[in-house]
Amino acid sequence: MDNRAHRFRCDFSVGDAIGNMILWLILIVVTLGLAAFVFPYYLPKAIILKTTVIGHDGSEVGRLKCDLTLGSMIGNAFIWIILTIITLGLAYFVYIYRVLRVVLMETKIEYNIPVR
């Protein structure tokens, strides 16, 4: 494998963003706001799943894949809902950063060719 730097190309379109926004607005209303604690996981995950890794020569090297499951999202969100209630909303600011960390820890590159 070449040690030169790769770059990312994201194909997340405006149409994808509008579709996700409508879906999440409906879910937040139906769940009386509880879906707002799961939404921060899906936003970066949706973008990551539409991202490819591009080699220095412009060829597609692989794709990003996030293995975060709904169960782990709900488990993490439940803990932070409790903390947010206890801290009168202040824990939510820390929660946003933790969400990004969890999503990135569950993300990997799936290469198009086997890595030796």
N, C-alpha and C. Protein backbone atom coordinates (compact mmCIF):
# COMPACT_ATOMS: atom_id res chain seq x y z
N MET A 1 0.84 -1.18 0.00
CA MET A 1 0.00 0.00 0.00
C MET A 1 0.88 1.24 0.00
N ASP A 2 0.47 2.21 -0.74
CA ASP A 2 1.19 3.46 -0.87
C ASP A 2 1.06 4.29 0.42
N ASN A 3 2.15 4.87 0.89
CA ASN A 3 2.13 5.65 2.13
C ASN A 3 1.77 7.11 1.93
N ARG A 4 1.59 7.54 0.70
CA ARG A 4 1.20 8.92 0.46
C ARG A 4 -0.23 9.17 0.95
N ALA A 5 -0.53 10.41 1.24
CA ALA A 5 -1.82 10.77 1.82
C ALA A 5 -2.97 10.53 0.84
N HIS A 6 -4.08 10.09 1.39
CA HIS A 6 -5.32 9.95 0.63
C HIS A 6 -6.24 11.10 1.01
N ARG A 7 -7.29 11.27 0.26
CA ARG A 7 -8.28 12.28 0.60
C ARG A 7 -9.65 11.64 0.56
N PHE A 8 -10.65 12.37 1.06
CA PHE A 8 -12.02 11.87 1.07
C PHE A 8 -12.85 12.62 0.03
N ARG A 9 -13.82 11.91 -0.55
CA ARG A 9 -14.82 12.53 -1.41
C ARG A 9 -16.19 12.13 -0.87
N CYS A 10 -16.98 13.12 -0.53
CA CYS A 10 -18.30 12.86 0.03
C CYS A 10 -19.37 13.15 -1.02
N ASP A 11 -20.26 12.20 -1.23
CA ASP A 11 -21.33 12.34 -2.20
C ASP A 11 -22.69 12.58 -1.53
N PHE A 12 -22.68 13.18 -0.35
CA PHE A 12 -23.91 13.49 0.38
C PHE A 12 -24.50 14.75 -0.24
N SER A 13 -25.64 14.60 -0.90
CA SER A 13 -26.22 15.69 -1.68
C SER A 13 -27.20 16.51 -0.87
N VAL A 14 -27.63 17.61 -1.45
CA VAL A 14 -28.65 18.45 -0.84
C VAL A 14 -29.96 17.66 -0.72
N GLY A 15 -30.25 16.85 -1.72
CA GLY A 15 -31.45 16.00 -1.66
C GLY A 15 -31.39 15.02 -0.50
N ASP A 16 -30.20 14.44 -0.26
CA ASP A 16 -30.03 13.55 0.89
C ASP A 16 -30.28 14.32 2.19
N ALA A 17 -29.76 15.53 2.27
CA ALA A 17 -29.92 16.34 3.47
C ALA A 17 -31.39 16.69 3.72
N ILE A 18 -32.10 17.06 2.67
CA ILE A 18 -33.52 17.41 2.82
C ILE A 18 -34.33 16.18 3.23
N GLY A 19 -34.04 15.04 2.61
CA GLY A 19 -34.73 13.80 2.97
C GLY A 19 -34.49 13.42 4.42
N ASN A 20 -33.24 13.50 4.86
CA ASN A 20 -32.93 13.20 6.26
C ASN A 20 -33.60 14.19 7.20
N MET A 21 -33.61 15.47 6.84
CA MET A 21 -34.22 16.49 7.69
C MET A 21 -35.71 16.20 7.89
N ILE A 22 -36.42 15.89 6.80
CA ILE A 22 -37.85 15.61 6.90
C ILE A 22 -38.10 14.38 7.76
N LEU A 23 -37.33 13.32 7.52
CA LEU A 23 -37.47 12.10 8.31
C LEU A 23 -37.26 12.36 9.79
N TRP A 24 -36.20 13.08 10.12
CA TRP A 24 -35.89 13.32 11.53
C TRP A 24 -36.86 14.29 12.19
N LEU A 25 -37.38 15.25 11.46
CA LEU A 25 -38.41 16.13 12.03
C LEU A 25 -39.65 15.33 12.41
N ILE A 26 -40.05 14.42 11.53
CA ILE A 26 -41.21 13.57 11.82
C ILE A 26 -40.93 12.69 13.03
N LEU A 27 -39.74 12.06 13.06
CA LEU A 27 -39.40 11.19 14.19
C LEU A 27 -39.34 11.95 15.51
N ILE A 28 -38.81 13.16 15.49
CA ILE A 28 -38.73 13.95 16.71
C ILE A 28 -40.12 14.32 17.21
N VAL A 29 -41.02 14.67 16.31
CA VAL A 29 -42.38 15.00 16.72
C VAL A 29 -43.11 13.77 17.26
N VAL A 30 -42.99 12.64 16.55
CA VAL A 30 -43.69 11.42 16.95
C VAL A 30 -43.18 10.90 18.30
N THR A 31 -41.88 11.02 18.56
CA THR A 31 -41.31 10.50 19.82
C THR A 31 -41.27 11.57 20.91
N LEU A 32 -41.94 12.68 20.68
CA LEU A 32 -41.99 13.79 21.66
C LEU A 32 -40.60 14.27 22.04
N GLY A 33 -39.71 14.33 21.07
CA GLY A 33 -38.38 14.89 21.28
C GLY A 33 -37.28 13.90 21.62
N LEU A 34 -37.64 12.66 21.94
CA LEU A 34 -36.61 11.69 22.34
C LEU A 34 -35.68 11.32 21.18
N ALA A 35 -36.17 11.36 19.96
CA ALA A 35 -35.33 11.05 18.80
C ALA A 35 -34.22 12.08 18.61
N ALA A 36 -34.37 13.24 19.25
CA ALA A 36 -33.33 14.27 19.15
C ALA A 36 -32.02 13.80 19.79
N PHE A 37 -32.09 12.82 20.67
CA PHE A 37 -30.87 12.29 21.28
C PHE A 37 -30.21 11.23 20.41
N VAL A 38 -30.92 10.64 19.48
CA VAL A 38 -30.35 9.66 18.57
C VAL A 38 -29.90 10.32 17.26
N PHE A 39 -30.54 11.42 16.90
CA PHE A 39 -30.22 12.13 15.67
C PHE A 39 -28.74 12.49 15.53
N PRO A 40 -28.06 12.97 16.60
CA PRO A 40 -26.64 13.32 16.42
C PRO A 40 -25.76 12.15 16.00
N TYR A 41 -26.19 10.92 16.22
CA TYR A 41 -25.43 9.76 15.75
C TYR A 41 -25.66 9.55 14.26
N TYR A 42 -26.88 9.72 13.82
CA TYR A 42 -27.21 9.46 12.42
C TYR A 42 -26.69 10.51 11.47
N LEU A 43 -26.57 11.74 11.90
CA LEU A 43 -26.08 12.79 11.01
C LEU A 43 -24.67 12.50 10.51
N PRO A 44 -23.67 12.32 11.39
CA PRO A 44 -22.34 12.00 10.86
C PRO A 44 -22.28 10.62 10.20
N LYS A 45 -23.07 9.67 10.70
CA LYS A 45 -23.06 8.33 10.10
C LYS A 45 -23.56 8.38 8.66
N ALA A 46 -24.60 9.16 8.39
CA ALA A 46 -25.13 9.28 7.03
C ALA A 46 -24.08 9.87 6.10
N ILE A 47 -23.33 10.84 6.58
CA ILE A 47 -22.29 11.46 5.76
C ILE A 47 -21.12 10.50 5.56
N ILE A 48 -20.74 9.80 6.60
CA ILE A 48 -19.64 8.84 6.51
C ILE A 48 -19.95 7.74 5.50
N LEU A 49 -21.18 7.25 5.50
CA LEU A 49 -21.56 6.17 4.58
C LEU A 49 -21.57 6.60 3.12
N LYS A 50 -21.57 7.88 2.86
CA LYS A 50 -21.54 8.40 1.48
C LYS A 50 -20.14 8.91 1.11
N THR A 51 -19.12 8.52 1.88
CA THR A 51 -17.76 9.02 1.67
C THR A 51 -16.85 7.93 1.13
N THR A 52 -16.09 8.28 0.11
CA THR A 52 -15.10 7.36 -0.46
C THR A 52 -13.70 7.90 -0.20
N VAL A 53 -12.74 6.99 -0.19
CA VAL A 53 -11.33 7.34 0.00
C VAL A 53 -10.69 7.37 -1.38
N ILE A 54 -10.05 8.47 -1.70
CA ILE A 54 -9.45 8.68 -3.01
C ILE A 54 -7.93 8.67 -2.87
N GLY A 55 -7.26 7.88 -3.70
CA GLY A 55 -5.80 7.80 -3.68
C GLY A 55 -5.16 9.01 -4.31
N HIS A 56 -3.84 9.09 -4.19
CA HIS A 56 -3.10 10.23 -4.72
C HIS A 56 -3.22 10.35 -6.24
N ASP A 57 -3.52 9.23 -6.90
CA ASP A 57 -3.66 9.25 -8.36
C ASP A 57 -5.10 9.48 -8.82
N GLY A 58 -6.02 9.72 -7.89
CA GLY A 58 -7.41 9.99 -8.23
C GLY A 58 -8.31 8.78 -8.27
N SER A 59 -7.75 7.59 -8.06
CA SER A 59 -8.57 6.38 -8.08
C SER A 59 -9.23 6.16 -6.72
N GLU A 60 -10.35 5.47 -6.75
CA GLU A 60 -11.07 5.16 -5.51
C GLU A 60 -10.36 4.01 -4.81
N VAL A 61 -9.90 4.27 -3.60
CA VAL A 61 -9.15 3.28 -2.82
C VAL A 61 -10.09 2.44 -1.97
N GLY A 62 -11.15 3.06 -1.46
CA GLY A 62 -12.08 2.36 -0.60
C GLY A 62 -13.23 3.27 -0.19
N ARG A 63 -14.00 2.79 0.78
CA ARG A 63 -15.14 3.55 1.30
C ARG A 63 -15.07 3.56 2.81
N LEU A 64 -15.63 4.61 3.40
CA LEU A 64 -15.77 4.64 4.86
C LEU A 64 -17.03 3.88 5.24
N LYS A 65 -16.94 3.15 6.33
CA LYS A 65 -18.09 2.39 6.83
C LYS A 65 -18.18 2.58 8.33
N CYS A 66 -19.35 2.92 8.81
CA CYS A 66 -19.59 3.10 10.24
C CYS A 66 -20.45 1.94 10.72
N ASP A 67 -19.95 1.18 11.68
CA ASP A 67 -20.64 -0.02 12.17
C ASP A 67 -21.49 0.26 13.41
N LEU A 68 -21.83 1.49 13.65
CA LEU A 68 -22.64 1.85 14.82
C LEU A 68 -24.06 1.33 14.64
N THR A 69 -24.58 0.65 15.65
CA THR A 69 -25.92 0.06 15.57
C THR A 69 -26.92 0.90 16.35
N LEU A 70 -28.18 0.73 16.02
CA LEU A 70 -29.25 1.45 16.71
C LEU A 70 -29.25 1.13 18.20
N GLY A 71 -28.97 -0.12 18.55
CA GLY A 71 -28.95 -0.51 19.96
C GLY A 71 -27.90 0.25 20.76
N SER A 72 -26.70 0.36 20.22
CA SER A 72 -25.66 1.09 20.94
C SER A 72 -25.95 2.59 20.97
N MET A 73 -26.58 3.10 19.91
CA MET A 73 -26.96 4.51 19.91
C MET A 73 -27.96 4.80 21.02
N ILE A 74 -28.98 3.94 21.13
CA ILE A 74 -30.01 4.15 22.14
C ILE A 74 -29.42 3.98 23.54
N GLY A 75 -28.53 3.00 23.71
CA GLY A 75 -27.88 2.81 25.01
C GLY A 75 -27.09 4.03 25.44
N ASN A 76 -26.28 4.56 24.53
CA ASN A 76 -25.52 5.78 24.85
C ASN A 76 -26.44 6.97 25.08
N ALA A 77 -27.45 7.10 24.22
CA ALA A 77 -28.36 8.24 24.34
C ALA A 77 -29.12 8.21 25.66
N PHE A 78 -29.52 7.02 26.11
CA PHE A 78 -30.27 6.90 27.36
C PHE A 78 -29.47 7.46 28.54
N ILE A 79 -28.20 7.08 28.59
CA ILE A 79 -27.33 7.58 29.67
C ILE A 79 -27.25 9.11 29.62
N TRP A 80 -27.10 9.65 28.41
CA TRP A 80 -26.96 11.11 28.28
C TRP A 80 -28.28 11.84 28.48
N ILE A 81 -29.40 11.20 28.23
CA ILE A 81 -30.70 11.81 28.55
C ILE A 81 -30.79 12.02 30.06
N ILE A 82 -30.44 10.99 30.81
CA ILE A 82 -30.46 11.09 32.28
C ILE A 82 -29.52 12.20 32.75
N LEU A 83 -28.28 12.21 32.23
CA LEU A 83 -27.32 13.25 32.63
C LEU A 83 -27.79 14.65 32.23
N THR A 84 -28.43 14.76 31.08
CA THR A 84 -28.92 16.06 30.64
C THR A 84 -30.05 16.56 31.56
N ILE A 85 -30.90 15.66 31.96
CA ILE A 85 -31.98 16.04 32.90
C ILE A 85 -31.40 16.46 34.24
N ILE A 86 -30.45 15.68 34.75
CA ILE A 86 -29.85 15.98 36.06
C ILE A 86 -29.12 17.31 36.05
N THR A 87 -28.43 17.61 34.95
CA THR A 87 -27.63 18.85 34.87
C THR A 87 -28.41 20.01 34.25
N LEU A 88 -29.72 19.83 34.11
CA LEU A 88 -30.59 20.87 33.55
C LEU A 88 -30.14 21.31 32.15
N GLY A 89 -29.70 20.35 31.35
CA GLY A 89 -29.36 20.61 29.96
C GLY A 89 -27.89 20.84 29.67
N LEU A 90 -27.08 21.06 30.68
CA LEU A 90 -25.66 21.36 30.45
C LEU A 90 -24.88 20.18 29.88
N ALA A 91 -25.25 18.96 30.24
CA ALA A 91 -24.53 17.78 29.76
C ALA A 91 -24.70 17.59 28.25
N TYR A 92 -25.73 18.19 27.68
CA TYR A 92 -25.97 18.02 26.23
C TYR A 92 -24.80 18.59 25.42
N PHE A 93 -24.16 19.64 25.91
CA PHE A 93 -23.02 20.22 25.19
C PHE A 93 -21.85 19.24 25.14
N VAL A 94 -21.63 18.49 26.19
CA VAL A 94 -20.59 17.47 26.21
C VAL A 94 -21.03 16.27 25.37
N TYR A 95 -22.30 15.97 25.41
CA TYR A 95 -22.87 14.85 24.67
C TYR A 95 -22.58 14.95 23.18
N ILE A 96 -22.70 16.13 22.61
CA ILE A 96 -22.46 16.32 21.18
C ILE A 96 -21.04 15.90 20.81
N TYR A 97 -20.06 16.27 21.64
CA TYR A 97 -18.67 15.88 21.36
C TYR A 97 -18.47 14.37 21.53
N ARG A 98 -19.12 13.80 22.53
CA ARG A 98 -19.01 12.36 22.76
C ARG A 98 -19.61 11.57 21.61
N VAL A 99 -20.69 12.07 21.05
CA VAL A 99 -21.33 11.40 19.92
C VAL A 99 -20.36 11.29 18.75
N LEU A 100 -19.71 12.39 18.42
CA LEU A 100 -18.76 12.37 17.31
C LEU A 100 -17.63 11.39 17.58
N ARG A 101 -17.15 11.35 18.81
CA ARG A 101 -16.09 10.40 19.17
C ARG A 101 -16.57 8.95 18.97
N VAL A 102 -17.76 8.64 19.44
CA VAL A 102 -18.30 7.29 19.31
C VAL A 102 -18.45 6.91 17.84
N VAL A 103 -18.97 7.83 17.03
CA VAL A 103 -19.14 7.55 15.60
C VAL A 103 -17.79 7.30 14.94
N LEU A 104 -16.80 8.13 15.24
CA LEU A 104 -15.48 7.96 14.63
C LEU A 104 -14.80 6.67 15.08
N MET A 105 -15.02 6.28 16.34
CA MET A 105 -14.42 5.03 16.83
C MET A 105 -15.02 3.80 16.14
N GLU A 106 -16.24 3.93 15.63
CA GLU A 106 -16.90 2.81 14.95
C GLU A 106 -16.74 2.88 13.43
N THR A 107 -15.91 3.80 12.94
CA THR A 107 -15.73 3.98 11.50
C THR A 107 -14.42 3.36 11.05
N LYS A 108 -14.47 2.71 9.89
CA LYS A 108 -13.27 2.10 9.33
C LYS A 108 -13.27 2.31 7.82
N ILE A 109 -12.13 2.05 7.22
CA ILE A 109 -12.01 2.12 5.77
C ILE A 109 -12.11 0.70 5.23
N GLU A 110 -13.02 0.49 4.30
CA GLU A 110 -13.10 -0.78 3.59
C GLU A 110 -12.38 -0.59 2.26
N TYR A 111 -11.23 -1.17 2.11
CA TYR A 111 -10.42 -1.01 0.91
C TYR A 111 -10.98 -1.84 -0.24
N ASN A 112 -10.82 -1.33 -1.44
CA ASN A 112 -11.28 -2.05 -2.65
C ASN A 112 -10.38 -3.24 -2.96
N ILE A 113 -9.10 -3.12 -2.63
CA ILE A 113 -8.15 -4.22 -2.86
C ILE A 113 -7.63 -4.68 -1.50
N PRO A 114 -7.27 -5.94 -1.37
CA PRO A 114 -6.76 -6.43 -0.08
C PRO A 114 -5.46 -5.71 0.31
N VAL A 115 -5.38 -5.38 1.60
CA VAL A 115 -4.17 -4.74 2.13
C VAL A 115 -3.25 -5.85 2.65
N ARG A 116 -1.99 -5.78 2.26
CA ARG A 116 -1.03 -6.82 2.67
C ARG A 116 -0.48 -6.56 4.04
